[in-house]
Amino acid sequence: MKAETVTVAVQILGKEYRVACEVHERDALLASAHYLNDKLREIRDSGKVIGLERTAVMAALNMANELLEQRTRKEDYMLTMGTKVRALQDKIEAALTKGRQMEI
């Protein structure tokens, strides 16, 4: 069974783009378009980059950098949590072993 699709109009730097997506993806698409529009405006309004193509490339680079930073933070978090979980498992195992020894 194929998912229902809708066409969503999004505004990017004052231009309308019509994008097809599945119904359940609509809100995410609108949020993404809003985020992209904000990033493009921020770069355009800084006056440091001239031209739509360069502005788009700079926005894409900034967003890719944000994504990679988030991935790194997530990986660091997962490593930290893995270490903490292993330490807790070791403590539990030690307590269980000590409890078994006391029973004997």
N, C-alpha and C. Protein backbone atom coordinates (compact mmCIF):
# COMPACT_ATOMS: atom_id res chain seq x y z
N MET A 1 0.85 -1.18 0.00
CA MET A 1 0.00 0.00 0.00
C MET A 1 0.89 1.23 0.00
N LYS A 2 0.65 2.12 -0.94
CA LYS A 2 1.45 3.32 -1.10
C LYS A 2 0.94 4.43 -0.18
N ALA A 3 1.89 5.15 0.44
CA ALA A 3 1.52 6.24 1.34
C ALA A 3 0.94 7.41 0.55
N GLU A 4 0.02 8.11 1.17
CA GLU A 4 -0.60 9.27 0.54
C GLU A 4 0.39 10.42 0.48
N THR A 5 0.47 11.08 -0.67
CA THR A 5 1.36 12.22 -0.82
C THR A 5 0.55 13.50 -0.98
N VAL A 6 1.18 14.58 -0.56
CA VAL A 6 0.57 15.91 -0.71
C VAL A 6 1.62 16.83 -1.29
N THR A 7 1.17 17.92 -1.87
CA THR A 7 2.08 18.95 -2.36
C THR A 7 2.04 20.10 -1.37
N VAL A 8 3.21 20.49 -0.90
CA VAL A 8 3.32 21.52 0.11
C VAL A 8 4.06 22.71 -0.49
N ALA A 9 3.51 23.91 -0.29
CA ALA A 9 4.18 25.13 -0.75
C ALA A 9 5.04 25.67 0.37
N VAL A 10 6.32 25.91 0.06
CA VAL A 10 7.24 26.48 1.04
C VAL A 10 7.84 27.75 0.46
N GLN A 11 8.16 28.69 1.34
CA GLN A 11 8.76 29.95 0.93
C GLN A 11 10.24 29.95 1.32
N ILE A 12 11.10 30.16 0.34
CA ILE A 12 12.54 30.25 0.57
C ILE A 12 13.01 31.56 -0.07
N LEU A 13 13.47 32.47 0.76
CA LEU A 13 13.92 33.80 0.31
C LEU A 13 12.91 34.46 -0.63
N GLY A 14 11.65 34.39 -0.23
CA GLY A 14 10.61 35.08 -0.98
C GLY A 14 10.10 34.35 -2.21
N LYS A 15 10.65 33.21 -2.52
CA LYS A 15 10.18 32.43 -3.66
C LYS A 15 9.43 31.21 -3.15
N GLU A 16 8.37 30.88 -3.88
CA GLU A 16 7.58 29.72 -3.50
C GLU A 16 8.06 28.49 -4.25
N TYR A 17 8.21 27.41 -3.49
CA TYR A 17 8.57 26.12 -4.05
C TYR A 17 7.50 25.12 -3.63
N ARG A 18 7.08 24.31 -4.59
CA ARG A 18 6.08 23.29 -4.29
C ARG A 18 6.81 21.96 -4.23
N VAL A 19 6.64 21.27 -3.11
CA VAL A 19 7.36 20.04 -2.85
C VAL A 19 6.36 18.94 -2.50
N ALA A 20 6.52 17.79 -3.14
CA ALA A 20 5.67 16.64 -2.82
C ALA A 20 6.30 15.85 -1.69
N CYS A 21 5.48 15.44 -0.75
CA CYS A 21 5.96 14.60 0.35
C CYS A 21 4.79 13.77 0.87
N GLU A 22 5.14 12.77 1.67
CA GLU A 22 4.09 11.97 2.29
C GLU A 22 3.42 12.81 3.37
N VAL A 23 2.15 12.53 3.61
CA VAL A 23 1.35 13.31 4.55
C VAL A 23 2.04 13.42 5.92
N HIS A 24 2.57 12.31 6.42
CA HIS A 24 3.17 12.32 7.75
C HIS A 24 4.50 13.09 7.79
N GLU A 25 5.05 13.46 6.63
CA GLU A 25 6.30 14.22 6.57
C GLU A 25 6.09 15.72 6.42
N ARG A 26 4.84 16.14 6.29
CA ARG A 26 4.52 17.54 6.00
C ARG A 26 5.10 18.51 7.04
N ASP A 27 4.88 18.24 8.31
CA ASP A 27 5.35 19.15 9.35
C ASP A 27 6.88 19.23 9.36
N ALA A 28 7.53 18.11 9.15
CA ALA A 28 9.00 18.10 9.12
C ALA A 28 9.51 18.89 7.91
N LEU A 29 8.83 18.77 6.78
CA LEU A 29 9.21 19.52 5.59
C LEU A 29 9.07 21.02 5.83
N LEU A 30 7.96 21.43 6.42
CA LEU A 30 7.75 22.86 6.71
C LEU A 30 8.79 23.38 7.69
N ALA A 31 9.11 22.60 8.70
CA ALA A 31 10.14 23.01 9.67
C ALA A 31 11.50 23.11 9.00
N SER A 32 11.80 22.17 8.13
CA SER A 32 13.09 22.20 7.41
C SER A 32 13.19 23.42 6.50
N ALA A 33 12.11 23.71 5.80
CA ALA A 33 12.11 24.87 4.91
C ALA A 33 12.27 26.16 5.71
N HIS A 34 11.61 26.24 6.85
CA HIS A 34 11.72 27.42 7.71
C HIS A 34 13.17 27.58 8.21
N TYR A 35 13.77 26.48 8.62
CA TYR A 35 15.15 26.50 9.11
C TYR A 35 16.10 26.94 7.99
N LEU A 36 15.93 26.35 6.80
CA LEU A 36 16.76 26.72 5.66
C LEU A 36 16.59 28.19 5.32
N ASN A 37 15.36 28.66 5.28
CA ASN A 37 15.11 30.06 4.97
C ASN A 37 15.80 30.99 5.97
N ASP A 38 15.72 30.64 7.26
CA ASP A 38 16.39 31.45 8.28
C ASP A 38 17.90 31.48 8.07
N LYS A 39 18.49 30.32 7.76
CA LYS A 39 19.94 30.26 7.53
C LYS A 39 20.34 31.09 6.30
N LEU A 40 19.57 30.97 5.23
CA LEU A 40 19.87 31.73 4.02
C LEU A 40 19.77 33.24 4.27
N ARG A 41 18.72 33.64 4.98
CA ARG A 41 18.57 35.06 5.30
C ARG A 41 19.71 35.57 6.16
N GLU A 42 20.09 34.77 7.16
CA GLU A 42 21.18 35.15 8.05
C GLU A 42 22.47 35.41 7.26
N ILE A 43 22.78 34.52 6.32
CA ILE A 43 23.99 34.68 5.52
C ILE A 43 23.85 35.85 4.56
N ARG A 44 22.70 35.94 3.90
CA ARG A 44 22.46 37.04 2.96
C ARG A 44 22.53 38.40 3.67
N ASP A 45 21.91 38.49 4.85
CA ASP A 45 21.85 39.76 5.56
C ASP A 45 23.18 40.15 6.19
N SER A 46 24.10 39.20 6.33
CA SER A 46 25.41 39.54 6.88
C SER A 46 26.21 40.40 5.91
N GLY A 47 25.87 40.31 4.61
CA GLY A 47 26.55 41.12 3.60
C GLY A 47 27.93 40.59 3.23
N LYS A 48 28.33 39.47 3.80
CA LYS A 48 29.66 38.92 3.54
C LYS A 48 29.68 38.03 2.30
N VAL A 49 28.51 37.57 1.86
CA VAL A 49 28.43 36.67 0.72
C VAL A 49 27.50 37.29 -0.30
N ILE A 50 27.96 37.34 -1.54
CA ILE A 50 27.16 37.92 -2.61
C ILE A 50 26.76 36.82 -3.59
N GLY A 51 25.50 36.82 -3.95
CA GLY A 51 24.99 35.87 -4.93
C GLY A 51 24.24 34.74 -4.26
N LEU A 52 23.14 34.37 -4.88
CA LEU A 52 22.27 33.33 -4.33
C LEU A 52 22.98 31.99 -4.27
N GLU A 53 23.72 31.66 -5.30
CA GLU A 53 24.41 30.36 -5.32
C GLU A 53 25.43 30.26 -4.19
N ARG A 54 26.22 31.29 -4.01
CA ARG A 54 27.22 31.29 -2.92
C ARG A 54 26.53 31.26 -1.55
N THR A 55 25.44 31.99 -1.44
CA THR A 55 24.68 32.00 -0.18
C THR A 55 24.17 30.59 0.12
N ALA A 56 23.64 29.92 -0.90
CA ALA A 56 23.13 28.57 -0.72
C ALA A 56 24.24 27.61 -0.33
N VAL A 57 25.40 27.74 -0.95
CA VAL A 57 26.53 26.86 -0.62
C VAL A 57 26.99 27.11 0.81
N MET A 58 27.07 28.36 1.22
CA MET A 58 27.49 28.67 2.59
C MET A 58 26.48 28.13 3.60
N ALA A 59 25.19 28.27 3.29
CA ALA A 59 24.16 27.74 4.19
C ALA A 59 24.29 26.22 4.29
N ALA A 60 24.50 25.57 3.14
CA ALA A 60 24.66 24.11 3.15
C ALA A 60 25.88 23.70 3.96
N LEU A 61 26.98 24.41 3.81
CA LEU A 61 28.19 24.10 4.58
C LEU A 61 27.95 24.29 6.08
N ASN A 62 27.30 25.38 6.45
CA ASN A 62 27.00 25.62 7.86
C ASN A 62 26.10 24.53 8.44
N MET A 63 25.09 24.13 7.67
CA MET A 63 24.17 23.11 8.15
C MET A 63 24.86 21.75 8.23
N ALA A 64 25.73 21.45 7.27
CA ALA A 64 26.49 20.20 7.32
C ALA A 64 27.40 20.19 8.54
N ASN A 65 28.01 21.32 8.84
CA ASN A 65 28.87 21.42 10.03
C ASN A 65 28.06 21.18 11.30
N GLU A 66 26.88 21.78 11.39
CA GLU A 66 26.01 21.56 12.56
C GLU A 66 25.66 20.08 12.70
N LEU A 67 25.34 19.44 11.58
CA LEU A 67 24.99 18.02 11.61
C LEU A 67 26.16 17.18 12.11
N LEU A 68 27.36 17.45 11.60
CA LEU A 68 28.53 16.69 12.01
C LEU A 68 28.86 16.92 13.48
N GLU A 69 28.68 18.15 13.96
CA GLU A 69 28.90 18.42 15.39
C GLU A 69 27.91 17.63 16.24
N GLN A 70 26.66 17.57 15.82
CA GLN A 70 25.64 16.81 16.55
C GLN A 70 25.99 15.32 16.57
N ARG A 71 26.46 14.80 15.44
CA ARG A 71 26.86 13.40 15.39
C ARG A 71 28.00 13.12 16.35
N THR A 72 28.98 14.02 16.37
CA THR A 72 30.12 13.84 17.27
C THR A 72 29.65 13.85 18.72
N ARG A 73 28.78 14.81 19.07
CA ARG A 73 28.25 14.87 20.43
C ARG A 73 27.49 13.59 20.78
N LYS A 74 26.72 13.09 19.84
CA LYS A 74 25.95 11.87 20.08
C LYS A 74 26.89 10.69 20.29
N GLU A 75 27.92 10.58 19.47
CA GLU A 75 28.89 9.49 19.62
C GLU A 75 29.59 9.58 20.97
N ASP A 76 30.00 10.79 21.36
CA ASP A 76 30.65 10.98 22.66
C ASP A 76 29.71 10.59 23.79
N TYR A 77 28.45 10.98 23.68
CA TYR A 77 27.45 10.65 24.69
C TYR A 77 27.27 9.13 24.79
N MET A 78 27.18 8.48 23.63
CA MET A 78 26.99 7.03 23.62
C MET A 78 28.19 6.32 24.25
N LEU A 79 29.39 6.80 23.99
CA LEU A 79 30.57 6.20 24.61
C LEU A 79 30.55 6.39 26.12
N THR A 80 30.20 7.60 26.55
CA THR A 80 30.13 7.89 27.98
C THR A 80 29.07 7.03 28.66
N MET A 81 27.91 6.94 28.06
CA MET A 81 26.83 6.14 28.64
C MET A 81 27.21 4.66 28.64
N GLY A 82 27.85 4.20 27.60
CA GLY A 82 28.28 2.80 27.54
C GLY A 82 29.24 2.48 28.68
N THR A 83 30.17 3.39 28.94
CA THR A 83 31.12 3.21 30.03
C THR A 83 30.40 3.18 31.37
N LYS A 84 29.45 4.09 31.57
CA LYS A 84 28.70 4.14 32.82
C LYS A 84 27.85 2.89 33.02
N VAL A 85 27.23 2.41 31.96
CA VAL A 85 26.40 1.20 32.06
C VAL A 85 27.27 0.00 32.41
N ARG A 86 28.43 -0.11 31.76
CA ARG A 86 29.34 -1.22 32.09
C ARG A 86 29.79 -1.16 33.54
N ALA A 87 30.07 0.04 34.04
CA ALA A 87 30.48 0.19 35.44
C ALA A 87 29.35 -0.24 36.37
N LEU A 88 28.12 0.14 36.06
CA LEU A 88 26.97 -0.28 36.87
C LEU A 88 26.78 -1.79 36.82
N GLN A 89 26.95 -2.37 35.64
CA GLN A 89 26.83 -3.82 35.51
C GLN A 89 27.89 -4.51 36.38
N ASP A 90 29.09 -3.98 36.36
CA ASP A 90 30.16 -4.55 37.19
C ASP A 90 29.81 -4.47 38.67
N LYS A 91 29.27 -3.33 39.10
CA LYS A 91 28.88 -3.18 40.51
C LYS A 91 27.77 -4.16 40.88
N ILE A 92 26.80 -4.30 39.99
CA ILE A 92 25.70 -5.23 40.25
C ILE A 92 26.22 -6.65 40.34
N GLU A 93 27.06 -7.01 39.41
CA GLU A 93 27.64 -8.36 39.42
C GLU A 93 28.45 -8.60 40.68
N ALA A 94 29.22 -7.61 41.11
CA ALA A 94 30.01 -7.74 42.33
C ALA A 94 29.09 -7.91 43.55
N ALA A 95 28.00 -7.14 43.59
CA ALA A 95 27.06 -7.24 44.71
C ALA A 95 26.38 -8.60 44.72
N LEU A 96 26.01 -9.09 43.55
CA LEU A 96 25.37 -10.41 43.47
C LEU A 96 26.35 -11.51 43.88
N THR A 97 27.57 -11.40 43.46
CA THR A 97 28.59 -12.38 43.83
C THR A 97 28.81 -12.36 45.33
N LYS A 98 28.90 -11.17 45.89
CA LYS A 98 29.08 -11.04 47.34
C LYS A 98 27.89 -11.62 48.08
N GLY A 99 26.69 -11.39 47.59
CA GLY A 99 25.48 -11.93 48.19
C GLY A 99 25.45 -13.45 48.14
N ARG A 100 25.89 -14.04 47.03
CA ARG A 100 25.95 -15.49 46.90
C ARG A 100 26.97 -16.08 47.88
N GLN A 101 28.08 -15.39 48.06
CA GLN A 101 29.11 -15.87 48.97
C GLN A 101 28.61 -15.84 50.41
N MET A 102 27.82 -14.83 50.73
CA MET A 102 27.29 -14.73 52.09
C MET A 102 26.28 -15.85 52.35
N GLU A 103 25.57 -16.31 51.33
CA GLU A 103 24.58 -17.38 51.47
C GLU A 103 25.25 -18.72 51.77
N ILE A 104 26.44 -18.88 51.25
CA ILE A 104 27.15 -20.16 51.41
C ILE A 104 27.74 -20.22 52.76
